[in-house]
Amino acid sequence: MPPYLFRLLTNRYALAAVLFSFWMLFFDSNSLWNQWKVSQQIEQLQLKSTYYEQEIQSIEQALEELETNAATKEKFAREHYLMKHHNEDVFVVEENN
């Protein structure tokens, strides 16, 4: 073993620094593995955030169309609430899967 390596390993401050670094990198709650997992979660949450922002925009556009267009409002009421005119009959067909 070279003398400089022996001196470095017998120096208690250097040994404490090496042990502290090893502990912080692998065993601490903020270790490299935990940091990598957290960064992966952040990426997933950012993707979900952009997806939900796009969904909010499309729903707001649909709501704006529903509030301004009478034909769209009538179509929505007929499809979702089964509303009808007085001289009409409504038949609901359900598919069994």
PDB file of N, CA and C in Angstrom:
ATOM      1  N   MET A   1       0.843  -1.169   0.000  1.00  0.00           N
ATOM      2  CA  MET A   1       0.000   0.000   0.000  1.00  0.00           C
ATOM      3  C   MET A   1       0.894   1.241   0.000  1.00  0.00           C
ATOM      4  N   PRO A   2       0.622   2.190  -0.875  1.00  0.00           N
ATOM      5  CA  PRO A   2       1.443   3.413  -0.914  1.00  0.00           C
ATOM      6  C   PRO A   2       1.300   4.202   0.391  1.00  0.00           C
ATOM      7  N   PRO A   3       2.342   4.889   0.768  1.00  0.00           N
ATOM      8  CA  PRO A   3       2.304   5.617   2.051  1.00  0.00           C
ATOM      9  C   PRO A   3       1.269   6.741   2.083  1.00  0.00           C
ATOM     10  N   TYR A   4       1.020   7.406   0.968  1.00  0.00           N
ATOM     11  CA  TYR A   4       0.034   8.488   0.980  1.00  0.00           C
ATOM     12  C   TYR A   4      -1.373   7.948   1.193  1.00  0.00           C
ATOM     13  N   LEU A   5      -1.675   6.769   0.668  1.00  0.00           N
ATOM     14  CA  LEU A   5      -2.987   6.160   0.873  1.00  0.00           C
ATOM     15  C   LEU A   5      -3.143   5.696   2.319  1.00  0.00           C
ATOM     16  N   PHE A   6      -2.058   5.172   2.890  1.00  0.00           N
ATOM     17  CA  PHE A   6      -2.079   4.753   4.289  1.00  0.00           C
ATOM     18  C   PHE A   6      -2.306   5.961   5.201  1.00  0.00           C
ATOM     19  N   ARG A   7      -1.614   7.069   4.903  1.00  0.00           N
ATOM     20  CA  ARG A   7      -1.787   8.286   5.692  1.00  0.00           C
ATOM     21  C   ARG A   7      -3.212   8.832   5.564  1.00  0.00           C
ATOM     22  N   LEU A   8      -3.771   8.731   4.365  1.00  0.00           N
ATOM     23  CA  LEU A   8      -5.127   9.226   4.141  1.00  0.00           C
ATOM     24  C   LEU A   8      -6.146   8.379   4.905  1.00  0.00           C
ATOM     25  N   LEU A   9      -5.960   7.063   4.902  1.00  0.00           N
ATOM     26  CA  LEU A   9      -6.900   6.179   5.596  1.00  0.00           C
ATOM     27  C   LEU A   9      -6.757   6.245   7.105  1.00  0.00           C
ATOM     28  N   THR A  10      -5.581   6.564   7.615  1.00  0.00           N
ATOM     29  CA  THR A  10      -5.395   6.662   9.062  1.00  0.00           C
ATOM     30  C   THR A  10      -5.738   8.045   9.595  1.00  0.00           C
ATOM     31  N   ASN A  11      -5.908   9.004   8.720  1.00  0.00           N
ATOM     32  CA  ASN A  11      -6.323  10.338   9.145  1.00  0.00           C
ATOM     33  C   ASN A  11      -7.804  10.266   9.522  1.00  0.00           C
ATOM     34  N   ARG A  12      -8.134  10.570  10.747  1.00  0.00           N
ATOM     35  CA  ARG A  12      -9.513  10.388  11.204  1.00  0.00           C
ATOM     36  C   ARG A  12     -10.463  11.385  10.550  1.00  0.00           C
ATOM     37  N   TYR A  13      -9.997  12.548  10.172  1.00  0.00           N
ATOM     38  CA  TYR A  13     -10.861  13.513   9.499  1.00  0.00           C
ATOM     39  C   TYR A  13     -11.199  13.049   8.084  1.00  0.00           C
ATOM     40  N   ALA A  14     -10.209  12.530   7.395  1.00  0.00           N
ATOM     41  CA  ALA A  14     -10.448  12.019   6.049  1.00  0.00           C
ATOM     42  C   ALA A  14     -11.366  10.797   6.104  1.00  0.00           C
ATOM     43  N   LEU A  15     -11.124   9.927   7.077  1.00  0.00           N
ATOM     44  CA  LEU A  15     -11.972   8.752   7.234  1.00  0.00           C
ATOM     45  C   LEU A  15     -13.407   9.160   7.580  1.00  0.00           C
ATOM     46  N   ALA A  16     -13.556  10.152   8.439  1.00  0.00           N
ATOM     47  CA  ALA A  16     -14.894  10.642   8.788  1.00  0.00           C
ATOM     48  C   ALA A  16     -15.571  11.254   7.562  1.00  0.00           C
ATOM     49  N   ALA A  17     -14.825  11.983   6.753  1.00  0.00           N
ATOM     50  CA  ALA A  17     -15.390  12.582   5.543  1.00  0.00           C
ATOM     51  C   ALA A  17     -15.821  11.508   4.550  1.00  0.00           C
ATOM     52  N   VAL A  18     -15.016  10.454   4.398  1.00  0.00           N
ATOM     53  CA  VAL A  18     -15.364   9.368   3.483  1.00  0.00           C
ATOM     54  C   VAL A  18     -16.610   8.638   3.982  1.00  0.00           C
ATOM     55  N   LEU A  19     -16.651   8.329   5.264  1.00  0.00           N
ATOM     56  CA  LEU A  19     -17.820   7.644   5.825  1.00  0.00           C
ATOM     57  C   LEU A  19     -19.071   8.505   5.738  1.00  0.00           C
ATOM     58  N   PHE A  20     -18.919   9.796   6.028  1.00  0.00           N
ATOM     59  CA  PHE A  20     -20.047  10.710   5.923  1.00  0.00           C
ATOM     60  C   PHE A  20     -20.556  10.793   4.492  1.00  0.00           C
ATOM     61  N   SER A  21     -19.648  10.897   3.524  1.00  0.00           N
ATOM     62  CA  SER A  21     -20.046  10.953   2.111  1.00  0.00           C
ATOM     63  C   SER A  21     -20.737   9.668   1.687  1.00  0.00           C
ATOM     64  N   PHE A  22     -20.187   8.527   2.104  1.00  0.00           N
ATOM     65  CA  PHE A  22     -20.794   7.241   1.767  1.00  0.00           C
ATOM     66  C   PHE A  22     -22.200   7.137   2.357  1.00  0.00           C
ATOM     67  N   TRP A  23     -22.332   7.559   3.602  1.00  0.00           N
ATOM     68  CA  TRP A  23     -23.646   7.514   4.255  1.00  0.00           C
ATOM     69  C   TRP A  23     -24.642   8.428   3.531  1.00  0.00           C
ATOM     70  N   MET A  24     -24.241   9.625   3.203  1.00  0.00           N
ATOM     71  CA  MET A  24     -25.139  10.579   2.553  1.00  0.00           C
ATOM     72  C   MET A  24     -25.523  10.138   1.139  1.00  0.00           C
ATOM     73  N   LEU A  25     -24.608   9.482   0.436  1.00  0.00           N
ATOM     74  CA  LEU A  25     -24.902   9.071  -0.934  1.00  0.00           C
ATOM     75  C   LEU A  25     -25.810   7.844  -1.006  1.00  0.00           C
ATOM     76  N   PHE A  26     -25.731   6.952  -0.032  1.00  0.00           N
ATOM     77  CA  PHE A  26     -26.439   5.683  -0.169  1.00  0.00           C
ATOM     78  C   PHE A  26     -27.487   5.394   0.899  1.00  0.00           C
ATOM     79  N   PHE A  27     -27.340   5.883   2.117  1.00  0.00           N
ATOM     80  CA  PHE A  27     -28.231   5.488   3.189  1.00  0.00           C
ATOM     81  C   PHE A  27     -29.131   6.594   3.722  1.00  0.00           C
ATOM     82  N   ASP A  28     -28.857   7.815   3.430  1.00  0.00           N
ATOM     83  CA  ASP A  28     -29.632   8.922   3.960  1.00  0.00           C
ATOM     84  C   ASP A  28     -30.994   8.994   3.261  1.00  0.00           C
ATOM     85  N   SER A  29     -31.940   9.709   3.859  1.00  0.00           N
ATOM     86  CA  SER A  29     -33.257   9.859   3.235  1.00  0.00           C
ATOM     87  C   SER A  29     -33.179  10.690   1.951  1.00  0.00           C
ATOM     88  N   ASN A  30     -32.107  11.431   1.769  1.00  0.00           N
ATOM     89  CA  ASN A  30     -31.897  12.202   0.535  1.00  0.00           C
ATOM     90  C   ASN A  30     -30.803  11.586  -0.318  1.00  0.00           C
ATOM     91  N   SER A  31     -30.745  10.269  -0.365  1.00  0.00           N
ATOM     92  CA  SER A  31     -29.697   9.589  -1.126  1.00  0.00           C
ATOM     93  C   SER A  31     -29.918   9.757  -2.627  1.00  0.00           C
ATOM     94  N   LEU A  32     -28.944   9.295  -3.378  1.00  0.00           N
ATOM     95  CA  LEU A  32     -29.047   9.398  -4.833  1.00  0.00           C
ATOM     96  C   LEU A  32     -30.254   8.641  -5.359  1.00  0.00           C
ATOM     97  N   TRP A  33     -30.519   7.461  -4.807  1.00  0.00           N
ATOM     98  CA  TRP A  33     -31.662   6.652  -5.249  1.00  0.00           C
ATOM     99  C   TRP A  33     -32.977   7.390  -4.981  1.00  0.00           C
ATOM    100  N   ASN A  34     -33.099   7.958  -3.798  1.00  0.00           N
ATOM    101  CA  ASN A  34     -34.323   8.694  -3.469  1.00  0.00           C
ATOM    102  C   ASN A  34     -34.466   9.943  -4.329  1.00  0.00           C
ATOM    103  N   GLN A  35     -33.375  10.611  -4.602  1.00  0.00           N
ATOM    104  CA  GLN A  35     -33.429  11.786  -5.463  1.00  0.00           C
ATOM    105  C   GLN A  35     -33.865  11.415  -6.877  1.00  0.00           C
ATOM    106  N   TRP A  36     -33.391  10.279  -7.367  1.00  0.00           N
ATOM    107  CA  TRP A  36     -33.785   9.818  -8.699  1.00  0.00           C
ATOM    108  C   TRP A  36     -35.276   9.475  -8.722  1.00  0.00           C
ATOM    109  N   LYS A  37     -35.768   8.792  -7.673  1.00  0.00           N
ATOM    110  CA  LYS A  37     -37.188   8.456  -7.616  1.00  0.00           C
ATOM    111  C   LYS A  37     -38.058   9.710  -7.561  1.00  0.00           C
ATOM    112  N   VAL A  38     -37.623  10.689  -6.799  1.00  0.00           N
ATOM    113  CA  VAL A  38     -38.384  11.932  -6.689  1.00  0.00           C
ATOM    114  C   VAL A  38     -38.394  12.669  -8.032  1.00  0.00           C
ATOM    115  N   SER A  39     -37.279  12.669  -8.734  1.00  0.00           N
ATOM    116  CA  SER A  39     -37.256  13.347 -10.041  1.00  0.00           C
ATOM    117  C   SER A  39     -38.157  12.630 -11.044  1.00  0.00           C
ATOM    118  N   GLN A  40     -38.227  11.305 -10.960  1.00  0.00           N
ATOM    119  CA  GLN A  40     -39.148  10.560 -11.827  1.00  0.00           C
ATOM    120  C   GLN A  40     -40.598  10.905 -11.499  1.00  0.00           C
ATOM    121  N   GLN A  41     -40.924  11.024 -10.236  1.00  0.00           N
ATOM    122  CA  GLN A  41     -42.274  11.396  -9.831  1.00  0.00           C
ATOM    123  C   GLN A  41     -42.618  12.799 -10.296  1.00  0.00           C
ATOM    124  N   ILE A  42     -41.654  13.694 -10.230  1.00  0.00           N
ATOM    125  CA  ILE A  42     -41.885  15.061 -10.697  1.00  0.00           C
ATOM    126  C   ILE A  42     -42.189  15.072 -12.189  1.00  0.00           C
ATOM    127  N   GLU A  43     -41.447  14.292 -12.960  1.00  0.00           N
ATOM    128  CA  GLU A  43     -41.703  14.221 -14.403  1.00  0.00           C
ATOM    129  C   GLU A  43     -43.094  13.680 -14.681  1.00  0.00           C
ATOM    130  N   GLN A  44     -43.504  12.632 -13.961  1.00  0.00           N
ATOM    131  CA  GLN A  44     -44.838  12.068 -14.151  1.00  0.00           C
ATOM    132  C   GLN A  44     -45.921  13.081 -13.784  1.00  0.00           C
ATOM    133  N   LEU A  45     -45.726  13.806 -12.711  1.00  0.00           N
ATOM    134  CA  LEU A  45     -46.704  14.807 -12.293  1.00  0.00           C
ATOM    135  C   LEU A  45     -46.782  15.967 -13.279  1.00  0.00           C
ATOM    136  N   GLN A  46     -45.645  16.331 -13.868  1.00  0.00           N
ATOM    137  CA  GLN A  46     -45.665  17.395 -14.874  1.00  0.00           C
ATOM    138  C   GLN A  46     -46.422  16.940 -16.116  1.00  0.00           C
ATOM    139  N   LEU A  47     -46.249  15.677 -16.509  1.00  0.00           N
ATOM    140  CA  LEU A  47     -47.010  15.158 -17.646  1.00  0.00           C
ATOM    141  C   LEU A  47     -48.500  15.153 -17.347  1.00  0.00           C
ATOM    142  N   LYS A  48     -48.868  14.734 -16.149  1.00  0.00           N
ATOM    143  CA  LYS A  48     -50.279  14.749 -15.767  1.00  0.00           C
ATOM    144  C   LYS A  48     -50.814  16.174 -15.734  1.00  0.00           C
ATOM    145  N   SER A  49     -49.992  17.093 -15.270  1.00  0.00           N
ATOM    146  CA  SER A  49     -50.414  18.488 -15.198  1.00  0.00           C
ATOM    147  C   SER A  49     -50.710  19.040 -16.593  1.00  0.00           C
ATOM    148  N   THR A  50     -49.838  18.777 -17.554  1.00  0.00           N
ATOM    149  CA  THR A  50     -50.089  19.265 -18.913  1.00  0.00           C
ATOM    150  C   THR A  50     -51.328  18.590 -19.506  1.00  0.00           C
ATOM    151  N   TYR A  51     -51.525  17.299 -19.215  1.00  0.00           N
ATOM    152  CA  TYR A  51     -52.720  16.602 -19.709  1.00  0.00           C
ATOM    153  C   TYR A  51     -53.982  17.245 -19.144  1.00  0.00           C
ATOM    154  N   TYR A  52     -53.995  17.505 -17.839  1.00  0.00           N
ATOM    155  CA  TYR A  52     -55.184  18.084 -17.230  1.00  0.00           C
ATOM    156  C   TYR A  52     -55.403  19.526 -17.659  1.00  0.00           C
ATOM    157  N   GLU A  53     -54.342  20.263 -17.934  1.00  0.00           N
ATOM    158  CA  GLU A  53     -54.501  21.618 -18.456  1.00  0.00           C
ATOM    159  C   GLU A  53     -55.150  21.592 -19.836  1.00  0.00           C
ATOM    160  N   GLN A  54     -54.750  20.627 -20.670  1.00  0.00           N
ATOM    161  CA  GLN A  54     -55.365  20.497 -21.987  1.00  0.00           C
ATOM    162  C   GLN A  54     -56.825  20.084 -21.866  1.00  0.00           C
ATOM    163  N   GLU A  55     -57.121  19.191 -20.934  1.00  0.00           N
ATOM    164  CA  GLU A  55     -58.505  18.775 -20.714  1.00  0.00           C
ATOM    165  C   GLU A  55     -59.357  19.946 -20.233  1.00  0.00           C
ATOM    166  N   ILE A  56     -58.821  20.766 -19.357  1.00  0.00           N
ATOM    167  CA  ILE A  56     -59.552  21.938 -18.864  1.00  0.00           C
ATOM    168  C   ILE A  56     -59.851  22.890 -20.012  1.00  0.00           C
ATOM    169  N   GLN A  57     -58.871  23.100 -20.889  1.00  0.00           N
ATOM    170  CA  GLN A  57     -59.095  23.984 -22.030  1.00  0.00           C
ATOM    171  C   GLN A  57     -60.182  23.444 -22.956  1.00  0.00           C
ATOM    172  N   SER A  58     -60.150  22.145 -23.230  1.00  0.00           N
ATOM    173  CA  SER A  58     -61.170  21.581 -24.115  1.00  0.00           C
ATOM    174  C   SER A  58     -62.547  21.621 -23.474  1.00  0.00           C
ATOM    175  N   ILE A  59     -62.630  21.406 -22.176  1.00  0.00           N
ATOM    176  CA  ILE A  59     -63.919  21.471 -21.490  1.00  0.00           C
ATOM    177  C   ILE A  59     -64.435  22.902 -21.445  1.00  0.00           C
ATOM    178  N   GLU A  60     -63.532  23.872 -21.253  1.00  0.00           N
ATOM    179  CA  GLU A  60     -63.946  25.271 -21.272  1.00  0.00           C
ATOM    180  C   GLU A  60     -64.460  25.676 -22.651  1.00  0.00           C
ATOM    181  N   GLN A  61     -63.826  25.166 -23.709  1.00  0.00           N
ATOM    182  CA  GLN A  61     -64.309  25.452 -25.059  1.00  0.00           C
ATOM    183  C   GLN A  61     -65.686  24.841 -25.276  1.00  0.00           C
ATOM    184  N   ALA A  62     -65.867  23.602 -24.799  1.00  0.00           N
ATOM    185  CA  ALA A  62     -67.174  22.956 -24.943  1.00  0.00           C
ATOM    186  C   ALA A  62     -68.236  23.705 -24.146  1.00  0.00           C
ATOM    187  N   LEU A  63     -67.896  24.172 -22.965  1.00  0.00           N
ATOM    188  CA  LEU A  63     -68.831  24.937 -22.148  1.00  0.00           C
ATOM    189  C   LEU A  63     -69.192  26.251 -22.819  1.00  0.00           C
ATOM    190  N   GLU A  64     -68.197  26.916 -23.392  1.00  0.00           N
ATOM    191  CA  GLU A  64     -68.461  28.168 -24.104  1.00  0.00           C
ATOM    192  C   GLU A  64     -69.391  27.922 -25.285  1.00  0.00           C
ATOM    193  N   GLU A  65     -69.151  26.842 -26.020  1.00  0.00           N
ATOM    194  CA  GLU A  65     -70.021  26.486 -27.145  1.00  0.00           C
ATOM    195  C   GLU A  65     -71.420  26.163 -26.655  1.00  0.00           C
ATOM    196  N   LEU A  66     -71.529  25.495 -25.537  1.00  0.00           N
ATOM    197  CA  LEU A  66     -72.825  25.120 -24.986  1.00  0.00           C
ATOM    198  C   LEU A  66     -73.598  26.347 -24.521  1.00  0.00           C
ATOM    199  N   GLU A  67     -72.901  27.316 -23.970  1.00  0.00           N
ATOM    200  CA  GLU A  67     -73.570  28.519 -23.482  1.00  0.00           C
ATOM    201  C   GLU A  67     -73.979  29.465 -24.600  1.00  0.00           C
ATOM    202  N   THR A  68     -73.296  29.452 -25.731  1.00  0.00           N
ATOM    203  CA  THR A  68     -73.568  30.430 -26.786  1.00  0.00           C
ATOM    204  C   THR A  68     -74.437  29.883 -27.910  1.00  0.00           C
ATOM    205  N   ASN A  69     -74.439  28.583 -28.146  1.00  0.00           N
ATOM    206  CA  ASN A  69     -75.139  28.016 -29.284  1.00  0.00           C
ATOM    207  C   ASN A  69     -76.376  27.257 -28.811  1.00  0.00           C
ATOM    208  N   ALA A  70     -77.537  27.667 -29.289  1.00  0.00           N
ATOM    209  CA  ALA A  70     -78.796  27.033 -28.868  1.00  0.00           C
ATOM    210  C   ALA A  70     -78.904  25.607 -29.404  1.00  0.00           C
ATOM    211  N   ALA A  71     -78.413  25.364 -30.598  1.00  0.00           N
ATOM    212  CA  ALA A  71     -78.482  24.012 -31.163  1.00  0.00           C
ATOM    213  C   ALA A  71     -77.627  23.043 -30.352  1.00  0.00           C
ATOM    214  N   THR A  72     -76.477  23.495 -29.899  1.00  0.00           N
ATOM    215  CA  THR A  72     -75.622  22.652 -29.079  1.00  0.00           C
ATOM    216  C   THR A  72     -76.273  22.377 -27.725  1.00  0.00           C
ATOM    217  N   LYS A  73     -76.923  23.390 -27.179  1.00  0.00           N
ATOM    218  CA  LYS A  73     -77.611  23.222 -25.906  1.00  0.00           C
ATOM    219  C   LYS A  73     -78.740  22.193 -26.031  1.00  0.00           C
ATOM    220  N   GLU A  74     -79.494  22.260 -27.128  1.00  0.00           N
ATOM    221  CA  GLU A  74     -80.580  21.295 -27.338  1.00  0.00           C
ATOM    222  C   GLU A  74     -80.018  19.885 -27.534  1.00  0.00           C
ATOM    223  N   LYS A  75     -78.953  19.761 -28.293  1.00  0.00           N
ATOM    224  CA  LYS A  75     -78.330  18.450 -28.511  1.00  0.00           C
ATOM    225  C   LYS A  75     -77.833  17.861 -27.195  1.00  0.00           C
ATOM    226  N   PHE A  76     -77.225  18.681 -26.357  1.00  0.00           N
ATOM    227  CA  PHE A  76     -76.734  18.215 -25.064  1.00  0.00           C
ATOM    228  C   PHE A  76     -77.891  17.746 -24.180  1.00  0.00           C
ATOM    229  N   ALA A  77     -78.971  18.514 -24.143  1.00  0.00           N
ATOM    230  CA  ALA A  77     -80.123  18.139 -23.317  1.00  0.00           C
ATOM    231  C   ALA A  77     -80.755  16.843 -23.816  1.00  0.00           C
ATOM    232  N   ARG A  78     -80.835  16.665 -25.106  1.00  0.00           N
ATOM    233  CA  ARG A  78     -81.413  15.436 -25.658  1.00  0.00           C
ATOM    234  C   ARG A  78     -80.525  14.225 -25.364  1.00  0.00           C
ATOM    235  N   GLU A  79     -79.225  14.374 -25.493  1.00  0.00           N
ATOM    236  CA  GLU A  79     -78.326  13.233 -25.307  1.00  0.00           C
ATOM    237  C   GLU A  79     -78.134  12.858 -23.845  1.00  0.00           C
ATOM    238  N   HIS A  80     -78.004  13.843 -22.981  1.00  0.00           N
ATOM    239  CA  HIS A  80     -77.648  13.554 -21.596  1.00  0.00           C
ATOM    240  C   HIS A  80     -78.846  13.451 -20.664  1.00  0.00           C
ATOM    241  N   TYR A  81     -79.905  14.183 -20.940  1.00  0.00           N
ATOM    242  CA  TYR A  81     -81.052  14.186 -20.043  1.00  0.00           C
ATOM    243  C   TYR A  81     -82.305  13.594 -20.678  1.00  0.00           C
ATOM    244  N   LEU A  82     -82.175  13.062 -21.892  1.00  0.00           N
ATOM    245  CA  LEU A  82     -83.270  12.413 -22.621  1.00  0.00           C
ATOM    246  C   LEU A  82     -84.503  13.305 -22.742  1.00  0.00           C
ATOM    247  N   MET A  83     -84.271  14.586 -22.935  1.00  0.00           N
ATOM    248  CA  MET A  83     -85.381  15.524 -23.121  1.00  0.00           C
ATOM    249  C   MET A  83     -85.909  15.394 -24.535  1.00  0.00           C
ATOM    250  N   LYS A  84     -87.199  15.737 -24.696  1.00  0.00           N
ATOM    251  CA  LYS A  84     -87.837  15.584 -26.005  1.00  0.00           C
ATOM    252  C   LYS A  84     -88.886  16.659 -26.181  1.00  0.00           C
ATOM    253  N   HIS A  85     -89.318  16.796 -27.427  1.00  0.00           N
ATOM    254  CA  HIS A  85     -90.438  17.682 -27.716  1.00  0.00           C
ATOM    255  C   HIS A  85     -91.724  16.942 -27.383  1.00  0.00           C
ATOM    256  N   HIS A  86     -92.863  17.673 -27.358  1.00  0.00           N
ATOM    257  CA  HIS A  86     -94.133  17.079 -26.953  1.00  0.00           C
ATOM    258  C   HIS A  86     -94.613  15.995 -27.916  1.00  0.00           C
ATOM    259  N   ASN A  87     -94.291  16.119 -29.176  1.00  0.00           N
ATOM    260  CA  ASN A  87     -94.786  15.163 -30.159  1.00  0.00           C
ATOM    261  C   ASN A  87     -93.746  14.103 -30.529  1.00  0.00           C
ATOM    262  N   GLU A  88     -92.780  13.837 -29.677  1.00  0.00           N
ATOM    263  CA  GLU A  88     -91.720  12.879 -29.968  1.00  0.00           C
ATOM    264  C   GLU A  88     -91.721  11.754 -28.941  1.00  0.00           C
ATOM    265  N   ASP A  89     -91.171  10.634 -29.344  1.00  0.00           N
ATOM    266  CA  ASP A  89     -90.921   9.528 -28.436  1.00  0.00           C
ATOM    267  C   ASP A  89     -89.412   9.288 -28.399  1.00  0.00           C
ATOM    268  N   VAL A  90     -88.898   8.903 -27.239  1.00  0.00           N
ATOM    269  CA  VAL A  90     -87.476   8.659 -27.082  1.00  0.00           C
ATOM    270  C   VAL A  90     -87.273   7.185 -26.794  1.00  0.00           C
ATOM    271  N   PHE A  91     -86.415   6.559 -27.595  1.00  0.00           N
ATOM    272  CA  PHE A  91     -86.060   5.156 -27.389  1.00  0.00           C
ATOM    273  C   PHE A  91     -84.585   5.099 -27.010  1.00  0.00           C
ATOM    274  N   VAL A  92     -84.305   4.430 -25.901  1.00  0.00           N
ATOM    275  CA  VAL A  92     -82.935   4.298 -25.451  1.00  0.00           C
ATOM    276  C   VAL A  92     -82.475   2.891 -25.741  1.00  0.00           C
ATOM    277  N   VAL A  93     -81.391   2.772 -26.509  1.00  0.00           N
ATOM    278  CA  VAL A  93     -80.846   1.480 -26.879  1.00  0.00           C
ATOM    279  C   VAL A  93     -79.513   1.311 -26.134  1.00  0.00           C
ATOM    280  N   GLU A  94     -79.424   0.276 -25.304  1.00  0.00           N
ATOM    281  CA  GLU A  94     -78.198   0.004 -24.576  1.00  0.00           C
ATOM    282  C   GLU A  94     -77.546  -1.239 -25.143  1.00  0.00           C
ATOM    283  N   GLU A  95     -76.235  -1.190 -25.276  1.00  0.00           N
ATOM    284  CA  GLU A  95     -75.498  -2.335 -25.799  1.00  0.00           C
ATOM    285  C   GLU A  95     -74.967  -3.145 -24.644  1.00  0.00           C
ATOM    286  N   ASN A  96     -75.114  -4.465 -24.723  1.00  0.00           N
ATOM    287  CA  ASN A  96     -74.555  -5.355 -23.717  1.00  0.00           C
ATOM    288  C   ASN A  96     -73.185  -5.833 -24.204  1.00  0.00           C
ATOM    289  N   ASN A  97     -72.209  -5.711 -23.350  1.00  0.00           N
ATOM    290  CA  ASN A  97     -70.854  -6.134 -23.735  1.00  0.00           C
ATOM    291  C   ASN A  97     -70.546  -7.462 -23.133  1.00  0.00           C
TER     292      ASN A  97
END
